[in-house]
């Protein structure tokens, strides 16, 4: 079960000097993080988080207030599940993600703008479907490309995963500005 925190509550917690500041872990791609992130957040992309679970759990403990952030809450929920399976029982997902954070007036540190991963997935999937349909006028078997992409999208919805998104996250244009996960872990250790 996903434990969440909404944007207004998180903003209140971040502004409360009487209590420790929550540790914000943004699991979006480095390019998405650079385009706009909550001040003080540390970037540990979801595809790198899985390989760093032991290190993350050694830095974070159950007494640490951890909030996971992504665009909409989807990837942060996957990160929460992975952290929970690795032994970190207390973390929360920013419900509605950066979208709700910004809509409620939350501050963002902005850098070079880029397409969000979900938008890239829509472009890639749509392009493959159109290509399959257009190519099927010449080579009838090309229609199976469109069927394969459609089936993949159905599977992504049912399983709450996205293989195309994970593949796109590893593309060079999404790695621009990426730091080694060790530096993110160093930042988290320094925050303790």
N, C-alpha and C. Protein backbone atom coordinates (compact mmCIF):
# COMPACT_ATOMS: atom_id res chain seq x y z
N UNK A 1 0.84 -1.17 0.00
CA UNK A 1 0.00 0.00 0.00
C UNK A 1 0.89 1.24 0.00
N UNK A 2 0.61 2.15 -0.88
CA UNK A 2 1.41 3.35 -1.03
C UNK A 2 1.05 4.36 0.04
N UNK A 3 2.08 4.85 0.74
CA UNK A 3 1.92 5.91 1.72
C UNK A 3 2.26 7.22 1.00
N UNK A 4 1.38 8.21 1.10
CA UNK A 4 1.56 9.44 0.33
C UNK A 4 1.54 10.67 1.22
N UNK A 5 1.99 11.77 0.63
CA UNK A 5 1.87 13.09 1.24
C UNK A 5 1.46 14.03 0.11
N UNK A 6 0.53 14.93 0.38
CA UNK A 6 0.11 15.85 -0.68
C UNK A 6 1.03 17.07 -0.71
N UNK A 7 0.94 17.83 -1.79
CA UNK A 7 1.83 18.98 -2.01
C UNK A 7 1.72 20.04 -0.91
N UNK A 8 0.50 20.46 -0.50
CA UNK A 8 0.43 21.48 0.56
C UNK A 8 1.05 21.01 1.88
N UNK A 9 0.84 19.74 2.22
CA UNK A 9 1.42 19.22 3.47
C UNK A 9 2.94 19.18 3.38
N UNK A 10 3.46 18.77 2.24
CA UNK A 10 4.92 18.74 2.07
C UNK A 10 5.48 20.16 2.14
N UNK A 11 4.83 21.11 1.50
CA UNK A 11 5.30 22.50 1.55
C UNK A 11 5.35 23.00 2.99
N UNK A 12 4.34 22.64 3.75
CA UNK A 12 4.29 23.04 5.16
C UNK A 12 5.45 22.41 5.94
N UNK A 13 5.71 21.12 5.67
CA UNK A 13 6.82 20.40 6.33
C UNK A 13 8.16 21.00 5.96
N UNK A 14 8.33 21.38 4.69
CA UNK A 14 9.59 21.96 4.25
C UNK A 14 9.81 23.34 4.86
N UNK A 15 8.75 24.05 5.18
CA UNK A 15 8.86 25.38 5.76
C UNK A 15 8.89 25.39 7.27
N UNK A 16 8.76 24.23 7.91
CA UNK A 16 8.70 24.12 9.36
C UNK A 16 10.11 23.96 9.92
N UNK A 17 10.66 25.03 10.48
CA UNK A 17 12.03 24.98 11.00
C UNK A 17 12.10 24.26 12.34
N UNK A 18 10.97 23.98 12.97
CA UNK A 18 10.96 23.30 14.27
C UNK A 18 11.20 21.80 14.14
N UNK A 19 10.97 21.24 12.95
CA UNK A 19 11.13 19.80 12.73
C UNK A 19 12.18 19.56 11.65
N UNK A 20 12.77 18.36 11.66
CA UNK A 20 13.75 18.05 10.61
C UNK A 20 13.11 18.10 9.22
N UNK A 21 13.87 18.60 8.26
CA UNK A 21 13.40 18.68 6.88
C UNK A 21 13.35 17.28 6.28
N UNK A 22 12.26 16.93 5.61
CA UNK A 22 12.20 15.61 4.95
C UNK A 22 13.28 15.49 3.88
N UNK A 23 13.76 14.27 3.69
CA UNK A 23 14.71 13.99 2.62
C UNK A 23 13.92 13.73 1.35
N UNK A 24 14.15 14.55 0.34
CA UNK A 24 13.43 14.42 -0.93
C UNK A 24 14.31 13.67 -1.93
N UNK A 25 13.80 12.55 -2.43
CA UNK A 25 14.50 11.78 -3.45
C UNK A 25 13.66 11.81 -4.71
N UNK A 26 14.19 12.45 -5.74
CA UNK A 26 13.51 12.60 -7.03
C UNK A 26 13.99 11.47 -7.94
N UNK A 27 13.05 10.61 -8.37
CA UNK A 27 13.43 9.41 -9.13
C UNK A 27 13.27 9.57 -10.64
N UNK A 28 13.07 10.81 -11.10
CA UNK A 28 12.96 11.05 -12.54
C UNK A 28 14.34 11.00 -13.19
N UNK A 29 14.37 11.06 -14.51
CA UNK A 29 15.64 11.05 -15.23
C UNK A 29 16.42 12.32 -14.90
N UNK A 30 17.74 12.30 -15.07
CA UNK A 30 18.53 13.51 -14.82
C UNK A 30 18.06 14.72 -15.61
N UNK A 31 17.62 14.51 -16.85
CA UNK A 31 17.16 15.63 -17.68
C UNK A 31 15.87 16.21 -17.12
N UNK A 32 14.94 15.37 -16.69
CA UNK A 32 13.70 15.86 -16.08
C UNK A 32 14.01 16.61 -14.78
N UNK A 33 14.93 16.06 -14.00
CA UNK A 33 15.33 16.69 -12.74
C UNK A 33 15.93 18.07 -13.00
N UNK A 34 16.81 18.15 -14.00
CA UNK A 34 17.44 19.42 -14.35
C UNK A 34 16.40 20.45 -14.80
N UNK A 35 15.38 20.01 -15.52
CA UNK A 35 14.36 20.93 -16.04
C UNK A 35 13.58 21.61 -14.91
N UNK A 36 13.38 20.91 -13.81
CA UNK A 36 12.68 21.50 -12.67
C UNK A 36 12.54 20.52 -11.54
N UNK A 37 13.04 20.88 -10.36
CA UNK A 37 12.94 20.01 -9.19
C UNK A 37 12.71 20.84 -7.93
N UNK A 38 12.20 20.19 -6.92
CA UNK A 38 11.96 20.85 -5.64
C UNK A 38 13.32 21.16 -5.02
N UNK A 39 13.49 22.40 -4.55
CA UNK A 39 14.78 22.75 -3.91
C UNK A 39 15.13 21.77 -2.79
N UNK A 40 16.37 21.32 -2.80
CA UNK A 40 16.86 20.39 -1.79
C UNK A 40 16.71 18.93 -2.15
N UNK A 41 16.02 18.63 -3.25
CA UNK A 41 15.84 17.23 -3.67
C UNK A 41 17.15 16.67 -4.20
N UNK A 42 17.31 15.36 -4.03
CA UNK A 42 18.46 14.63 -4.55
C UNK A 42 17.95 13.72 -5.65
N UNK A 43 18.66 13.68 -6.77
CA UNK A 43 18.24 12.88 -7.92
C UNK A 43 18.85 11.49 -7.88
N UNK A 44 17.98 10.48 -7.72
CA UNK A 44 18.37 9.07 -7.82
C UNK A 44 17.38 8.46 -8.81
N UNK A 45 17.71 8.47 -10.12
CA UNK A 45 16.78 7.96 -11.13
C UNK A 45 16.31 6.53 -10.83
N UNK A 46 15.06 6.25 -11.13
CA UNK A 46 14.47 4.95 -10.83
C UNK A 46 15.31 3.81 -11.38
N UNK A 47 15.83 3.95 -12.60
CA UNK A 47 16.62 2.85 -13.18
C UNK A 47 17.94 2.65 -12.43
N UNK A 48 18.43 3.64 -11.70
CA UNK A 48 19.65 3.49 -10.90
C UNK A 48 19.33 3.12 -9.45
N UNK A 49 18.15 3.45 -9.00
CA UNK A 49 17.76 3.17 -7.63
C UNK A 49 17.82 1.67 -7.33
N UNK A 50 17.37 0.87 -8.27
CA UNK A 50 17.34 -0.58 -8.04
C UNK A 50 18.72 -1.14 -7.76
N UNK A 51 19.76 -0.60 -8.39
CA UNK A 51 21.12 -1.06 -8.16
C UNK A 51 21.76 -0.47 -6.92
N UNK A 52 21.09 0.44 -6.26
CA UNK A 52 21.65 1.14 -5.09
C UNK A 52 20.83 0.93 -3.84
N UNK A 53 19.96 -0.07 -3.84
CA UNK A 53 19.03 -0.25 -2.71
C UNK A 53 19.75 -0.47 -1.39
N UNK A 54 20.78 -1.33 -1.37
CA UNK A 54 21.49 -1.59 -0.12
C UNK A 54 22.13 -0.32 0.42
N UNK A 55 22.77 0.44 -0.48
CA UNK A 55 23.41 1.69 -0.07
C UNK A 55 22.38 2.70 0.43
N UNK A 56 21.27 2.82 -0.29
CA UNK A 56 20.23 3.76 0.14
C UNK A 56 19.68 3.39 1.51
N UNK A 57 19.41 2.10 1.71
CA UNK A 57 18.86 1.67 3.00
C UNK A 57 19.86 1.87 4.13
N UNK A 58 21.18 1.80 3.83
CA UNK A 58 22.16 2.04 4.89
C UNK A 58 22.24 3.52 5.24
N UNK A 59 21.95 4.40 4.28
CA UNK A 59 21.99 5.84 4.53
C UNK A 59 20.68 6.31 5.18
N UNK A 60 19.58 5.75 4.71
CA UNK A 60 18.26 6.12 5.23
C UNK A 60 17.81 5.05 6.20
N UNK A 61 17.15 5.42 7.24
CA UNK A 61 16.61 4.42 8.17
C UNK A 61 15.13 4.72 8.41
N UNK A 62 14.50 3.89 9.22
CA UNK A 62 13.07 4.04 9.45
C UNK A 62 12.71 5.30 10.24
N UNK A 63 13.70 5.98 10.81
CA UNK A 63 13.43 7.21 11.54
C UNK A 63 13.64 8.44 10.66
N UNK A 64 14.00 8.21 9.44
CA UNK A 64 14.28 9.28 8.48
C UNK A 64 13.00 9.57 7.69
N UNK A 65 12.62 10.82 7.55
CA UNK A 65 11.42 11.20 6.81
C UNK A 65 11.79 11.30 5.34
N UNK A 66 11.44 10.29 4.55
CA UNK A 66 11.80 10.22 3.14
C UNK A 66 10.56 10.43 2.29
N UNK A 67 10.66 11.38 1.35
CA UNK A 67 9.57 11.62 0.40
C UNK A 67 10.13 11.39 -1.00
N UNK A 68 9.45 10.52 -1.74
CA UNK A 68 9.85 10.17 -3.11
C UNK A 68 9.04 10.99 -4.09
N UNK A 69 9.73 11.51 -5.11
CA UNK A 69 9.11 12.45 -6.04
C UNK A 69 9.36 11.99 -7.47
N UNK A 70 8.34 12.14 -8.31
CA UNK A 70 8.48 11.98 -9.77
C UNK A 70 7.50 12.94 -10.42
N UNK A 71 7.19 12.74 -11.66
CA UNK A 71 6.28 13.66 -12.36
C UNK A 71 4.86 13.57 -11.83
N UNK A 72 4.34 12.34 -11.70
CA UNK A 72 2.93 12.17 -11.34
C UNK A 72 2.71 11.31 -10.11
N UNK A 73 3.73 10.65 -9.63
CA UNK A 73 3.60 9.74 -8.49
C UNK A 73 3.78 8.29 -8.87
N UNK A 74 3.73 7.98 -10.16
CA UNK A 74 3.81 6.60 -10.64
C UNK A 74 5.18 5.98 -10.37
N UNK A 75 6.24 6.61 -10.86
CA UNK A 75 7.60 6.07 -10.67
C UNK A 75 8.00 6.12 -9.20
N UNK A 76 7.57 7.16 -8.50
CA UNK A 76 7.88 7.25 -7.07
C UNK A 76 7.23 6.09 -6.31
N UNK A 77 6.05 5.68 -6.72
CA UNK A 77 5.40 4.52 -6.12
C UNK A 77 6.19 3.24 -6.35
N UNK A 78 6.75 3.10 -7.55
CA UNK A 78 7.59 1.93 -7.84
C UNK A 78 8.86 1.97 -6.99
N UNK A 79 9.43 3.16 -6.81
CA UNK A 79 10.62 3.31 -5.97
C UNK A 79 10.29 2.96 -4.52
N UNK A 80 9.11 3.39 -4.05
CA UNK A 80 8.70 3.10 -2.68
C UNK A 80 8.58 1.59 -2.46
N UNK A 81 7.98 0.90 -3.43
CA UNK A 81 7.86 -0.56 -3.33
C UNK A 81 9.23 -1.21 -3.26
N UNK A 82 10.17 -0.76 -4.10
CA UNK A 82 11.52 -1.32 -4.11
C UNK A 82 12.23 -1.07 -2.78
N UNK A 83 12.12 0.14 -2.25
CA UNK A 83 12.74 0.46 -0.97
C UNK A 83 12.13 -0.35 0.17
N UNK A 84 10.81 -0.53 0.11
CA UNK A 84 10.13 -1.31 1.13
C UNK A 84 10.61 -2.77 1.10
N UNK A 85 10.70 -3.34 -0.11
CA UNK A 85 11.19 -4.72 -0.24
C UNK A 85 12.63 -4.86 0.25
N UNK A 86 13.41 -3.78 0.12
CA UNK A 86 14.81 -3.81 0.55
C UNK A 86 14.96 -3.56 2.05
N UNK A 87 13.86 -3.25 2.73
CA UNK A 87 13.92 -3.10 4.18
C UNK A 87 13.67 -1.71 4.72
N UNK A 88 13.51 -0.73 3.85
CA UNK A 88 13.19 0.62 4.33
C UNK A 88 11.67 0.74 4.36
N UNK A 89 11.11 0.65 5.54
CA UNK A 89 9.66 0.62 5.66
C UNK A 89 8.97 1.96 5.62
N UNK A 90 9.69 3.04 5.88
CA UNK A 90 9.02 4.33 5.96
C UNK A 90 9.49 5.27 4.86
N UNK A 91 8.63 5.48 3.94
CA UNK A 91 8.84 6.50 2.91
C UNK A 91 7.45 6.88 2.42
N UNK A 92 7.35 8.06 1.86
CA UNK A 92 6.06 8.50 1.32
C UNK A 92 6.28 8.99 -0.10
N UNK A 93 5.23 8.93 -0.88
CA UNK A 93 5.23 9.40 -2.27
C UNK A 93 4.51 10.74 -2.31
N UNK A 94 5.10 11.70 -3.01
CA UNK A 94 4.41 12.97 -3.23
C UNK A 94 3.26 12.70 -4.19
N UNK A 95 2.03 12.69 -3.66
CA UNK A 95 0.87 12.39 -4.51
C UNK A 95 0.72 13.47 -5.57
N UNK A 96 0.53 13.04 -6.79
CA UNK A 96 0.42 13.98 -7.90
C UNK A 96 1.76 14.48 -8.40
N UNK A 97 2.84 14.15 -7.71
CA UNK A 97 4.19 14.48 -8.14
C UNK A 97 4.45 15.96 -8.36
N UNK A 98 5.43 16.21 -9.21
CA UNK A 98 5.83 17.58 -9.54
C UNK A 98 4.66 18.36 -10.15
N UNK A 99 3.78 17.66 -10.87
CA UNK A 99 2.64 18.32 -11.50
C UNK A 99 1.78 19.00 -10.43
N UNK A 100 1.40 18.25 -9.38
CA UNK A 100 0.59 18.84 -8.30
C UNK A 100 1.38 19.85 -7.49
N UNK A 101 2.68 19.56 -7.27
CA UNK A 101 3.53 20.48 -6.51
C UNK A 101 3.51 21.87 -7.17
N UNK A 102 3.72 21.87 -8.47
CA UNK A 102 3.76 23.15 -9.20
C UNK A 102 2.37 23.79 -9.25
N UNK A 103 1.32 22.98 -9.42
CA UNK A 103 -0.04 23.51 -9.50
C UNK A 103 -0.48 24.18 -8.19
N UNK A 104 0.09 23.74 -7.08
CA UNK A 104 -0.27 24.34 -5.79
C UNK A 104 0.69 25.45 -5.38
N UNK A 105 1.54 25.86 -6.32
CA UNK A 105 2.42 27.00 -6.07
C UNK A 105 3.76 26.67 -5.46
N UNK A 106 4.13 25.38 -5.45
CA UNK A 106 5.42 24.98 -4.89
C UNK A 106 6.59 25.49 -5.72
N UNK A 107 7.68 25.85 -5.04
CA UNK A 107 8.88 26.34 -5.73
C UNK A 107 9.58 25.21 -6.48
N UNK A 108 10.16 25.58 -7.61
CA UNK A 108 10.98 24.66 -8.39
C UNK A 108 12.28 25.34 -8.76
N UNK A 109 13.38 24.62 -8.62
CA UNK A 109 14.64 25.08 -9.20
C UNK A 109 14.60 24.66 -10.66
N UNK A 110 14.70 25.61 -11.56
CA UNK A 110 14.59 25.31 -12.99
C UNK A 110 15.94 25.41 -13.69
N UNK A 111 16.11 24.52 -14.64
CA UNK A 111 17.30 24.51 -15.48
C UNK A 111 16.87 24.41 -16.93
N UNK A 112 17.70 23.79 -17.74
CA UNK A 112 17.39 23.62 -19.16
C UNK A 112 16.15 22.73 -19.30
N UNK A 113 15.20 23.19 -20.11
CA UNK A 113 13.94 22.47 -20.28
C UNK A 113 14.10 21.30 -21.24
N UNK A 114 13.35 20.24 -20.98
CA UNK A 114 13.39 19.03 -21.81
C UNK A 114 12.02 18.35 -21.73
N UNK A 115 11.79 17.44 -22.66
CA UNK A 115 10.55 16.68 -22.64
C UNK A 115 10.57 15.69 -21.49
N UNK A 116 9.44 15.57 -20.80
CA UNK A 116 9.31 14.60 -19.73
C UNK A 116 9.24 13.20 -20.33
N UNK A 117 9.60 12.20 -19.54
CA UNK A 117 9.66 10.83 -20.02
C UNK A 117 8.32 10.34 -20.55
N UNK A 118 7.23 10.68 -19.88
CA UNK A 118 5.91 10.24 -20.34
C UNK A 118 5.61 10.78 -21.74
N UNK A 119 6.01 12.02 -22.00
CA UNK A 119 5.79 12.62 -23.32
C UNK A 119 6.62 11.90 -24.37
N UNK A 120 7.84 11.54 -24.01
CA UNK A 120 8.70 10.79 -24.94
C UNK A 120 8.10 9.42 -25.27
N UNK A 121 7.51 8.76 -24.26
CA UNK A 121 6.87 7.46 -24.49
C UNK A 121 5.70 7.62 -25.45
N UNK A 122 4.89 8.65 -25.27
CA UNK A 122 3.74 8.87 -26.17
C UNK A 122 4.22 9.10 -27.60
N UNK A 123 5.30 9.88 -27.77
CA UNK A 123 5.84 10.13 -29.10
C UNK A 123 6.36 8.84 -29.73
N UNK A 124 7.14 8.08 -28.98
CA UNK A 124 7.71 6.84 -29.52
C UNK A 124 6.62 5.83 -29.86
N UNK A 125 5.67 5.62 -28.96
CA UNK A 125 4.60 4.65 -29.21
C UNK A 125 3.75 5.07 -30.39
N UNK A 126 3.36 6.33 -30.41
CA UNK A 126 2.54 6.83 -31.53
C UNK A 126 3.27 6.73 -32.85
N UNK A 127 4.54 7.06 -32.86
CA UNK A 127 5.34 6.97 -34.10
C UNK A 127 5.43 5.54 -34.60
N UNK A 128 5.62 4.59 -33.68
CA UNK A 128 5.71 3.19 -34.08
C UNK A 128 4.38 2.68 -34.64
N UNK A 129 3.28 3.09 -34.02
CA UNK A 129 1.96 2.67 -34.51
C UNK A 129 1.71 3.23 -35.91
N UNK A 130 1.95 4.52 -36.10
CA UNK A 130 1.75 5.14 -37.42
C UNK A 130 2.66 4.50 -38.46
N UNK A 131 3.91 4.22 -38.09
CA UNK A 131 4.85 3.57 -39.01
C UNK A 131 4.35 2.19 -39.41
N UNK A 132 3.87 1.44 -38.42
CA UNK A 132 3.35 0.10 -38.71
C UNK A 132 2.15 0.13 -39.65
N UNK A 133 1.26 1.07 -39.44
CA UNK A 133 0.08 1.19 -40.30
C UNK A 133 0.48 1.63 -41.70
N UNK A 134 1.34 2.65 -41.78
CA UNK A 134 1.77 3.14 -43.10
C UNK A 134 2.54 2.07 -43.86
N UNK A 135 3.42 1.37 -43.16
CA UNK A 135 4.22 0.34 -43.83
C UNK A 135 3.37 -0.86 -44.25
N UNK A 136 2.24 -1.08 -43.57
CA UNK A 136 1.39 -2.23 -43.91
C UNK A 136 0.72 -2.07 -45.27
N UNK A 137 0.69 -0.85 -45.81
CA UNK A 137 0.13 -0.67 -47.16
C UNK A 137 1.05 -1.27 -48.21
N UNK A 138 2.34 -1.40 -47.85
CA UNK A 138 3.33 -1.99 -48.77
C UNK A 138 3.66 -3.41 -48.35
N UNK A 139 3.85 -3.60 -47.06
CA UNK A 139 4.19 -4.92 -46.51
C UNK A 139 3.16 -5.25 -45.44
N UNK A 140 2.14 -6.07 -45.78
CA UNK A 140 1.03 -6.34 -44.86
C UNK A 140 1.44 -6.81 -43.46
N UNK A 141 2.56 -7.48 -43.36
CA UNK A 141 2.99 -7.97 -42.03
C UNK A 141 3.43 -6.84 -41.10
N UNK A 142 3.68 -5.67 -41.63
CA UNK A 142 4.10 -4.53 -40.80
C UNK A 142 3.02 -4.12 -39.81
N UNK A 143 1.77 -4.54 -40.06
CA UNK A 143 0.68 -4.22 -39.13
C UNK A 143 0.95 -4.80 -37.75
N UNK A 144 1.77 -5.84 -37.69
CA UNK A 144 2.06 -6.47 -36.40
C UNK A 144 2.92 -5.58 -35.51
N UNK A 145 3.64 -4.63 -36.10
CA UNK A 145 4.37 -3.65 -35.30
C UNK A 145 3.38 -2.85 -34.46
N UNK A 146 2.31 -2.39 -35.11
CA UNK A 146 1.28 -1.62 -34.39
C UNK A 146 0.62 -2.48 -33.32
N UNK A 147 0.34 -3.73 -33.64
CA UNK A 147 -0.27 -4.64 -32.67
C UNK A 147 0.67 -4.88 -31.48
N UNK A 148 1.96 -5.03 -31.76
CA UNK A 148 2.94 -5.25 -30.70
C UNK A 148 3.01 -4.05 -29.76
N UNK A 149 3.04 -2.86 -30.33
CA UNK A 149 3.09 -1.64 -29.51
C UNK A 149 1.80 -1.50 -28.69
N UNK A 150 0.65 -1.75 -29.31
CA UNK A 150 -0.62 -1.69 -28.58
C UNK A 150 -0.65 -2.69 -27.43
N UNK A 151 -0.19 -3.90 -27.69
CA UNK A 151 -0.13 -4.92 -26.64
C UNK A 151 0.81 -4.51 -25.51
N UNK A 152 1.93 -3.90 -25.89
CA UNK A 152 2.88 -3.41 -24.88
C UNK A 152 2.27 -2.33 -24.01
N UNK A 153 1.47 -1.45 -24.61
CA UNK A 153 0.82 -0.39 -23.84
C UNK A 153 -0.24 -0.98 -22.88
N UNK A 154 -0.95 -1.99 -23.33
CA UNK A 154 -1.93 -2.65 -22.46
C UNK A 154 -1.21 -3.31 -21.29
N UNK A 155 -0.12 -4.03 -21.58
CA UNK A 155 0.65 -4.68 -20.52
C UNK A 155 1.20 -3.64 -19.54
N UNK A 156 1.68 -2.51 -20.06
CA UNK A 156 2.21 -1.44 -19.20
C UNK A 156 1.14 -0.93 -18.25
N UNK A 157 -0.08 -0.79 -18.74
CA UNK A 157 -1.17 -0.30 -17.90
C UNK A 157 -1.54 -1.33 -16.83
N UNK A 158 -1.63 -2.59 -17.23
CA UNK A 158 -2.04 -3.64 -16.30
C UNK A 158 -0.97 -3.90 -15.24
N UNK A 159 0.29 -3.90 -15.64
CA UNK A 159 1.39 -4.22 -14.71
C UNK A 159 1.94 -2.99 -13.99
N UNK A 160 1.50 -1.80 -14.41
CA UNK A 160 1.99 -0.55 -13.84
C UNK A 160 3.50 -0.40 -14.01
N UNK A 161 3.99 -0.87 -15.14
CA UNK A 161 5.40 -0.72 -15.51
C UNK A 161 5.44 -0.22 -16.94
N UNK A 162 6.58 0.23 -17.38
CA UNK A 162 6.68 0.68 -18.76
C UNK A 162 8.08 0.38 -19.30
N UNK A 163 8.20 -0.71 -20.04
CA UNK A 163 9.49 -1.10 -20.60
C UNK A 163 10.01 -0.03 -21.55
N UNK A 164 9.11 0.58 -22.33
CA UNK A 164 9.54 1.62 -23.26
C UNK A 164 10.08 2.82 -22.49
N UNK A 165 9.42 3.20 -21.40
CA UNK A 165 9.88 4.31 -20.58
C UNK A 165 11.24 4.02 -19.96
N UNK A 166 11.42 2.79 -19.47
CA UNK A 166 12.71 2.43 -18.88
C UNK A 166 13.81 2.43 -19.94
N UNK A 167 13.49 1.99 -21.15
CA UNK A 167 14.49 2.02 -22.23
C UNK A 167 14.81 3.46 -22.62
N UNK A 168 13.79 4.30 -22.73
CA UNK A 168 14.02 5.71 -23.09
C UNK A 168 14.81 6.44 -22.00
N UNK A 169 14.62 6.06 -20.75
CA UNK A 169 15.35 6.70 -19.65
C UNK A 169 16.85 6.50 -19.78
N UNK A 170 17.25 5.44 -20.46
CA UNK A 170 18.67 5.14 -20.63
C UNK A 170 19.29 5.77 -21.87
N UNK A 171 18.47 6.43 -22.67
CA UNK A 171 18.99 7.08 -23.89
C UNK A 171 19.89 8.25 -23.54
N UNK A 172 20.87 8.53 -24.40
CA UNK A 172 21.84 9.60 -24.10
C UNK A 172 21.21 10.96 -23.82
N UNK A 173 20.15 11.32 -24.52
CA UNK A 173 19.54 12.63 -24.29
C UNK A 173 18.90 12.72 -22.91
N UNK A 174 18.56 11.58 -22.30
CA UNK A 174 18.00 11.59 -20.95
C UNK A 174 19.07 11.43 -19.87
N UNK A 175 20.30 11.17 -20.27
CA UNK A 175 21.39 11.00 -19.32
C UNK A 175 22.21 12.27 -19.18
N UNK A 176 21.96 13.24 -20.03
CA UNK A 176 22.70 14.50 -19.99
C UNK A 176 22.66 15.06 -18.57
N UNK A 177 23.81 15.41 -18.07
CA UNK A 177 23.89 15.99 -16.74
C UNK A 177 23.80 14.98 -15.62
N UNK A 178 23.80 13.69 -15.97
CA UNK A 178 23.68 12.67 -14.94
C UNK A 178 24.94 12.62 -14.08
N UNK A 179 24.71 12.49 -12.79
CA UNK A 179 25.81 12.29 -11.87
C UNK A 179 25.79 10.83 -11.46
N UNK A 180 26.93 10.33 -11.09
CA UNK A 180 26.97 8.96 -10.58
C UNK A 180 26.09 8.88 -9.35
N UNK A 181 25.41 7.75 -9.16
CA UNK A 181 24.52 7.59 -8.02
C UNK A 181 25.29 7.79 -6.72
N UNK A 182 26.59 7.46 -6.72
CA UNK A 182 27.40 7.66 -5.52
C UNK A 182 27.36 9.09 -5.05
N UNK A 183 27.35 10.05 -5.97
CA UNK A 183 27.31 11.44 -5.54
C UNK A 183 25.96 11.77 -4.91
N UNK A 184 24.88 11.15 -5.39
CA UNK A 184 23.57 11.34 -4.75
C UNK A 184 23.59 10.73 -3.36
N UNK A 185 24.21 9.56 -3.23
CA UNK A 185 24.31 8.93 -1.91
C UNK A 185 25.17 9.78 -0.98
N UNK A 186 26.23 10.40 -1.53
CA UNK A 186 27.05 11.30 -0.73
C UNK A 186 26.21 12.48 -0.23
N UNK A 187 25.35 13.01 -1.11
CA UNK A 187 24.49 14.13 -0.71
C UNK A 187 23.53 13.70 0.41
N UNK A 188 23.00 12.49 0.30
CA UNK A 188 22.08 12.00 1.32
C UNK A 188 22.80 11.79 2.64
N UNK A 189 24.03 11.29 2.59
CA UNK A 189 24.81 11.09 3.81
C UNK A 189 25.10 12.43 4.48
N UNK A 190 25.40 13.44 3.67
CA UNK A 190 25.69 14.77 4.21
C UNK A 190 24.46 15.39 4.88
N UNK A 191 23.26 15.03 4.40
CA UNK A 191 22.02 15.59 4.95
C UNK A 191 21.69 15.00 6.32
N UNK A 192 22.26 13.87 6.62
CA UNK A 192 21.93 13.20 7.88
C UNK A 192 22.37 13.96 9.02
